[in-house]
Amino acid sequence: MRPKILISRRLPQAAVDRVARDCDVDHNEANIPLKAEELKQRLQGKQGLICLLTDKITDELLDGLTELKVVANVAVGYDNIDVPAATRRGIMVTNTPEVLTETTADFTWALLMAVARRVVEGDAYARSGEWKEWMLLEFLGSDVYGKTLGIMGLGRIGRAVARRAAGFNMRMLYHDAFRPAPAVERELKVEYRDKESVLREADFVTLHTPLIPETRHYISTKELRLMKRTAFLINASRGPVLDEEALAQALKEGVIAGAALDVFEQEPKIHPGLIGMRNVVLAPHLASASIETRTAMSMLAADNAVAAVLGQRPPTLVNPEVWKG
């Protein structure tokens, strides 16, 4: 009998076809999030689940799903999954690292450039019909070339951001709880600083930290008040890393010059204080949203799920302690 896998939301057809080669597929093609009760019902008799960050895989949901072997998340982060609960039940959890590194770094720079040069404001003005003539002092932004970039988290994405910054002749500072080898610092031309020093010296601060208990509200009122009044904050990591209430207040008071966010504390909700601000660029979690990358993420999740239900070790296993191969 072929294993059965539930795909909780619409995926690229190539990923669905990959699963269907070896498994029976229950695919939520409506692309509407399944409520917890319906998700649990459809998981009955299934050995695998491919899900998105919007699916909450809780202890209660997993309870009684005795045939479930794997939860394959189509994302790098997996805070939507109760990993300890899955581990206790011997359920493998997987994610999709590495395949979205470069595109997320690209989008970090898209956000940085957009907020520095007021691209979104300018676009809205150009479309409004109010633009009558070119003016010397209209929509003045901030230069990027030659400035100081502060990178919070020098993992895969932070390093990719640094490689791009070299083309802008930027001085690069970074902070990370786990400092890499000196050879990495030399290659990237980055300088290690403590967190406070990075915030004080950088003209642009980009966040690339994982979401763990220690990084929740990693940037809040204290940190924002260390930054230059001319500085910009960019977050394309995880929403709760940044205290949105504190950011809204800091921007209102002119503590920093602006911010650009792709992720939010309570997605899809955005702090109302940020929505009306002209010096904030807001994107609906688009960092990995290229055709190539979202397809690659889905294919990796499919490979993870299929491997697990066929008794093979998934390529990117989050909780290896459950593997008994």
Protein backbone atom coordinates (compact mmCIF):
# COMPACT_ATOMS: atom_id res chain seq x y z
CA MET A 1 0.00 0.00 0.00
CA ARG A 2 1.32 3.46 -0.94
CA PRO A 3 1.93 5.99 1.85
CA LYS A 4 -0.51 8.88 2.13
CA ILE A 5 0.56 12.53 2.38
CA LEU A 6 -1.58 15.60 3.02
CA ILE A 7 -0.47 18.86 1.35
CA SER A 8 -2.16 21.58 3.40
CA ARG A 9 -2.03 24.37 0.80
CA ARG A 10 -1.55 24.77 -2.91
CA LEU A 11 2.01 24.01 -4.05
CA PRO A 12 3.70 24.26 -7.46
CA GLN A 13 2.57 21.34 -9.59
CA ALA A 14 6.12 20.00 -9.86
CA ALA A 15 6.19 19.42 -6.09
CA VAL A 16 2.76 17.77 -6.11
CA ASP A 17 3.89 15.51 -8.94
CA ARG A 18 7.04 14.62 -6.98
CA VAL A 19 4.94 13.42 -4.05
CA ALA A 20 2.46 11.63 -6.30
CA ARG A 21 5.21 9.46 -7.84
CA ASP A 22 5.53 7.49 -4.63
CA CYS A 23 2.52 8.41 -2.49
CA ASP A 24 -1.20 9.01 -2.53
CA VAL A 25 -1.82 12.75 -2.25
CA ASP A 26 -4.57 14.69 -0.48
CA HIS A 27 -4.00 18.24 -1.76
CA ASN A 28 -5.84 21.28 -0.43
CA GLU A 29 -6.01 22.98 -3.81
CA ALA A 30 -8.47 25.58 -2.52
CA ASN A 31 -5.44 27.30 -0.97
CA ILE A 32 -7.53 28.34 2.03
CA PRO A 33 -5.99 27.53 5.43
CA LEU A 34 -7.56 24.49 7.01
CA LYS A 35 -9.03 25.03 10.45
CA ALA A 36 -7.44 22.91 13.17
CA GLU A 37 -10.38 20.49 13.33
CA GLU A 38 -10.41 19.95 9.56
CA LEU A 39 -6.63 19.62 9.41
CA LYS A 40 -6.69 16.95 12.10
CA GLN A 41 -9.53 15.13 10.37
CA ARG A 42 -7.73 15.09 7.04
CA LEU A 43 -4.55 13.85 8.71
CA GLN A 44 -6.27 10.71 9.93
CA GLY A 45 -4.65 7.75 8.22
CA LYS A 46 -1.88 9.92 6.72
CA GLN A 47 1.81 9.22 7.16
CA GLY A 48 3.01 12.65 6.05
CA LEU A 49 2.08 16.35 6.13
CA ILE A 50 3.51 19.12 3.96
CA CYS A 51 2.52 22.45 5.49
CA LEU A 52 3.19 26.18 5.50
CA LEU A 53 4.12 28.63 8.26
CA THR A 54 0.45 29.59 8.57
CA ASP A 55 -0.43 26.05 9.70
CA LYS A 56 -0.19 25.68 13.48
CA ILE A 57 1.02 22.19 14.28
CA THR A 58 0.30 21.98 17.99
CA ASP A 59 0.57 19.25 20.62
CA GLU A 60 -3.22 18.96 20.60
CA LEU A 61 -3.32 18.59 16.83
CA LEU A 62 -0.70 15.83 16.86
CA ASP A 63 -2.39 13.91 19.64
CA GLY A 64 -3.90 10.69 18.30
CA LEU A 65 -2.26 10.86 14.86
CA THR A 66 -0.53 7.55 15.40
CA GLU A 67 0.37 6.97 11.75
CA LEU A 68 1.99 10.38 11.15
CA LYS A 69 5.72 10.10 10.51
CA VAL A 70 6.72 13.53 9.24
CA VAL A 71 5.75 17.20 9.21
CA ALA A 72 7.54 18.90 6.31
CA ASN A 73 7.47 22.70 6.60
CA VAL A 74 7.82 24.77 3.42
CA ALA A 75 9.98 27.36 5.20
CA VAL A 76 13.29 27.78 6.97
CA GLY A 77 11.60 28.72 10.23
CA TYR A 78 9.47 26.18 12.07
CA ASP A 79 8.11 28.06 15.08
CA ASN A 80 4.62 27.15 13.82
CA ILE A 81 5.37 23.55 14.80
CA ASP A 82 5.56 22.23 18.35
CA VAL A 83 8.82 20.37 17.70
CA PRO A 84 9.12 18.90 21.23
CA ALA A 85 5.58 17.50 20.91
CA ALA A 86 6.45 15.97 17.55
CA THR A 87 9.71 14.57 18.88
CA ARG A 88 7.99 12.90 21.83
CA ARG A 89 5.79 11.09 19.34
CA GLY A 90 8.68 10.10 17.10
CA ILE A 91 7.45 12.41 14.32
CA MET A 92 10.15 13.89 12.11
CA VAL A 93 10.09 17.65 11.44
CA THR A 94 11.83 19.14 8.42
CA ASN A 95 12.38 22.60 6.97
CA THR A 96 13.79 24.14 3.78
CA PRO A 97 17.09 25.90 4.54
CA GLU A 98 19.68 27.11 2.03
CA VAL A 99 17.42 27.15 -1.03
CA LEU A 100 16.15 30.64 -0.15
CA THR A 101 19.41 32.21 1.02
CA GLU A 102 20.25 34.22 -2.08
CA THR A 103 16.76 35.43 -2.88
CA THR A 104 16.22 36.55 0.73
CA ALA A 105 19.47 38.47 0.59
CA ASP A 106 18.32 40.05 -2.68
CA PHE A 107 15.06 41.12 -1.08
CA THR A 108 16.82 42.49 1.99
CA TRP A 109 18.62 44.80 -0.38
CA ALA A 110 15.38 45.64 -2.17
CA LEU A 111 13.93 46.75 1.16
CA LEU A 112 17.07 48.65 2.11
CA MET A 113 17.22 50.55 -1.16
CA ALA A 114 13.48 51.21 -1.18
CA VAL A 115 13.43 52.82 2.26
CA ALA A 116 16.71 54.69 1.81
CA ARG A 117 15.68 56.24 -1.51
CA ARG A 118 11.94 56.59 -0.74
CA VAL A 119 10.96 54.45 -3.72
CA VAL A 120 7.50 53.51 -2.45
CA GLU A 121 6.63 57.13 -1.66
CA GLY A 122 7.89 58.22 -5.05
CA ASP A 123 5.94 55.52 -6.85
CA ALA A 124 2.69 56.56 -5.14
CA TYR A 125 3.35 60.21 -5.96
CA ALA A 126 4.13 59.47 -9.61
CA ARG A 127 0.85 57.57 -9.95
CA SER A 128 -1.22 60.17 -8.12
CA GLY A 129 -1.27 62.76 -10.89
CA GLU A 130 0.09 65.37 -8.50
CA TRP A 131 3.60 65.39 -10.00
CA LYS A 132 3.85 68.58 -12.08
CA GLU A 133 7.59 69.22 -12.39
CA TRP A 134 11.01 68.00 -11.31
CA MET A 135 12.20 69.75 -8.14
CA LEU A 136 15.69 69.77 -6.66
CA LEU A 137 14.66 69.15 -3.04
CA GLU A 138 11.80 66.73 -3.60
CA PHE A 139 11.85 63.20 -2.10
CA LEU A 140 15.40 63.45 -0.82
CA GLY A 141 16.59 60.12 0.52
CA SER A 142 19.84 58.75 1.88
CA ASP A 143 22.86 57.46 0.00
CA VAL A 144 23.83 53.83 0.50
CA TYR A 145 27.25 53.70 -1.16
CA GLY A 146 30.10 54.05 1.31
CA LYS A 147 27.88 53.91 4.41
CA THR A 148 28.15 51.52 7.38
CA LEU A 149 26.05 48.36 7.38
CA GLY A 150 25.27 46.56 10.63
CA ILE A 151 24.40 42.88 10.19
CA MET A 152 22.66 41.18 13.11
CA GLY A 153 23.23 37.48 12.56
CA LEU A 154 26.02 36.26 10.27
CA GLY A 155 24.47 32.99 9.19
CA ARG A 156 23.83 32.00 5.60
CA ILE A 157 21.59 34.97 4.79
CA GLY A 158 23.65 37.48 6.75
CA ARG A 159 26.75 36.42 4.83
CA ALA A 160 24.91 36.70 1.51
CA VAL A 161 23.84 40.23 2.45
CA ALA A 162 27.46 41.07 3.30
CA ARG A 163 28.69 39.82 -0.09
CA ARG A 164 26.27 42.18 -1.80
CA ALA A 165 27.31 45.09 0.43
CA ALA A 166 30.86 44.83 -0.88
CA GLY A 167 29.62 46.20 -4.19
CA PHE A 168 28.44 49.32 -2.38
CA ASN A 169 31.86 49.83 -0.78
CA MET A 170 30.28 49.69 2.66
CA ARG A 171 32.01 49.31 5.97
CA MET A 172 30.45 46.18 7.47
CA LEU A 173 29.97 45.46 11.15
CA TYR A 174 28.22 42.41 12.54
CA HIS A 175 27.10 40.77 15.74
CA ASP A 176 26.31 37.10 16.23
CA ALA A 177 26.12 34.90 19.31
CA PHE A 178 28.31 32.41 17.45
CA ARG A 179 31.32 34.13 15.94
CA PRO A 180 32.61 32.42 12.78
CA ALA A 181 36.23 31.59 12.03
CA PRO A 182 38.57 34.55 11.36
CA ALA A 183 38.89 33.36 7.76
CA VAL A 184 35.16 34.04 7.23
CA GLU A 185 35.52 37.56 8.61
CA ARG A 186 38.47 38.23 6.31
CA GLU A 187 36.71 36.84 3.27
CA LEU A 188 33.60 38.94 3.83
CA LYS A 189 35.52 41.96 5.13
CA VAL A 190 33.26 42.20 8.17
CA GLU A 191 34.20 43.43 11.63
CA TYR A 192 32.82 41.85 14.80
CA ARG A 193 31.32 44.20 17.37
CA ASP A 194 29.10 43.80 20.39
CA LYS A 195 25.42 44.37 19.75
CA GLU A 196 25.37 47.88 21.18
CA SER A 197 28.33 49.03 19.10
CA VAL A 198 26.77 47.79 15.87
CA LEU A 199 23.58 49.68 16.64
CA ARG A 200 25.44 52.87 17.50
CA GLU A 201 27.69 52.91 14.45
CA ALA A 202 25.57 51.53 11.61
CA ASP A 203 23.67 53.61 9.07
CA PHE A 204 21.65 50.55 8.09
CA VAL A 205 20.87 47.63 10.41
CA THR A 206 19.63 44.39 8.89
CA LEU A 207 18.21 41.55 11.00
CA HIS A 208 19.00 37.92 10.19
CA THR A 209 18.63 36.17 13.52
CA PRO A 210 16.55 33.01 14.03
CA LEU A 211 13.47 33.22 16.23
CA ILE A 212 14.29 31.53 19.52
CA PRO A 213 13.29 32.61 23.06
CA GLU A 214 16.51 34.63 23.38
CA THR A 215 15.84 36.65 20.21
CA ARG A 216 12.18 37.53 20.78
CA HIS A 217 12.12 41.37 20.79
CA TYR A 218 15.83 41.33 20.04
CA ILE A 219 15.27 44.92 18.91
CA SER A 220 13.07 46.97 21.22
CA THR A 221 13.04 50.46 22.75
CA LYS A 222 16.50 50.24 24.31
CA GLU A 223 18.14 49.09 21.09
CA LEU A 224 16.32 51.58 18.87
CA ARG A 225 17.47 54.46 21.07
CA LEU A 226 21.08 53.38 20.55
CA MET A 227 20.78 53.87 16.79
CA LYS A 228 21.58 57.03 14.87
CA ARG A 229 18.67 59.34 14.14
CA THR A 230 19.65 59.00 10.47
CA ALA A 231 19.73 55.19 10.55
CA PHE A 232 17.36 52.66 8.97
CA LEU A 233 16.25 49.26 10.26
CA ILE A 234 15.47 46.35 7.91
CA ASN A 235 13.82 43.10 9.01
CA ALA A 236 13.50 40.13 6.66
CA SER A 237 14.08 37.46 9.32
CA ARG A 238 11.19 36.67 11.70
CA GLY A 239 8.51 39.10 12.87
CA PRO A 240 8.78 38.72 16.66
CA VAL A 241 12.50 39.50 16.55
CA LEU A 242 11.38 43.14 16.37
CA ASP A 243 9.10 44.87 18.88
CA GLU A 244 6.66 46.61 16.51
CA GLU A 245 5.14 48.77 19.26
CA ALA A 246 8.58 50.08 20.13
CA LEU A 247 9.42 50.64 16.47
CA ALA A 248 6.21 52.58 15.82
CA GLN A 249 6.93 54.83 18.81
CA ALA A 250 10.56 55.34 17.78
CA LEU A 251 9.57 56.34 14.26
CA LYS A 252 6.89 58.67 15.57
CA GLU A 253 9.45 60.40 17.76
CA GLY A 254 12.13 60.53 15.06
CA VAL A 255 14.46 58.22 16.99
CA ILE A 256 15.51 56.60 13.68
CA ALA A 257 14.98 57.70 10.10
CA GLY A 258 12.98 54.77 8.78
CA ALA A 259 12.35 51.05 8.58
CA ALA A 260 11.53 48.35 6.06
CA LEU A 261 9.75 45.18 7.14
CA ASP A 262 8.86 41.96 5.36
CA VAL A 263 7.74 40.05 8.45
CA PHE A 264 5.55 40.97 11.39
CA GLU A 265 4.86 39.93 14.97
CA GLN A 266 1.31 38.74 14.34
CA GLU A 267 1.13 38.11 10.61
CA PRO A 268 -0.91 39.07 8.71
CA LYS A 269 -1.71 41.80 11.24
CA ILE A 270 0.56 44.85 11.15
CA HIS A 271 0.87 47.31 14.00
CA PRO A 272 -1.56 50.14 13.08
CA GLY A 273 1.00 52.75 14.04
CA LEU A 274 3.24 51.64 11.17
CA ILE A 275 0.69 51.58 8.38
CA GLY A 276 0.29 55.32 7.90
CA MET A 277 3.97 56.21 8.15
CA ARG A 278 5.69 57.35 4.98
CA ASN A 279 9.15 56.36 6.17
CA VAL A 280 8.21 52.68 6.52
CA VAL A 281 8.24 50.14 3.69
CA LEU A 282 5.91 47.20 4.34
CA ALA A 283 5.94 43.96 2.34
CA PRO A 284 3.69 40.90 2.85
CA HIS A 285 6.42 38.32 3.57
CA LEU A 286 7.91 38.37 0.09
CA ALA A 287 11.59 37.65 0.75
CA SER A 288 11.51 34.18 -0.77
CA ALA A 289 8.81 35.02 -3.31
CA SER A 290 10.53 34.28 -6.58
CA ILE A 291 9.27 31.58 -8.91
CA GLU A 292 12.56 29.72 -8.73
CA THR A 293 12.90 29.85 -4.95
CA ARG A 294 9.33 29.04 -3.93
CA THR A 295 9.46 26.09 -6.33
CA ALA A 296 12.78 24.92 -4.86
CA MET A 297 11.37 25.22 -1.32
CA SER A 298 8.33 23.16 -2.27
CA MET A 299 10.44 20.52 -3.99
CA LEU A 300 12.69 20.18 -0.93
CA ALA A 301 9.65 19.82 1.33
CA ALA A 302 8.30 17.16 -1.02
CA ASP A 303 11.63 15.31 -0.97
CA ASN A 304 11.66 15.49 2.83
CA ALA A 305 8.14 14.13 3.19
CA VAL A 306 8.58 11.34 0.65
CA ALA A 307 11.89 10.22 2.12
CA ALA A 308 10.42 10.04 5.61
CA VAL A 309 7.34 8.01 4.69
CA LEU A 310 9.51 5.61 2.66
CA GLY A 311 11.75 4.94 5.65
CA GLN A 312 14.65 7.12 4.50
CA ARG A 313 16.31 9.99 6.36
CA PRO A 314 14.92 13.34 5.10
CA PRO A 315 17.55 15.71 3.65
CA THR A 316 16.91 18.53 6.16
CA LEU A 317 15.79 16.98 9.43
CA VAL A 318 15.19 19.43 12.29
CA ASN A 319 14.94 16.83 15.08
CA PRO A 320 17.51 14.15 14.18
CA GLU A 321 17.05 12.44 17.54
CA VAL A 322 13.91 10.76 16.22
CA TRP A 323 15.75 9.13 13.32
CA LYS A 324 16.21 5.44 13.91
CA GLY A 325 17.66 4.47 10.53
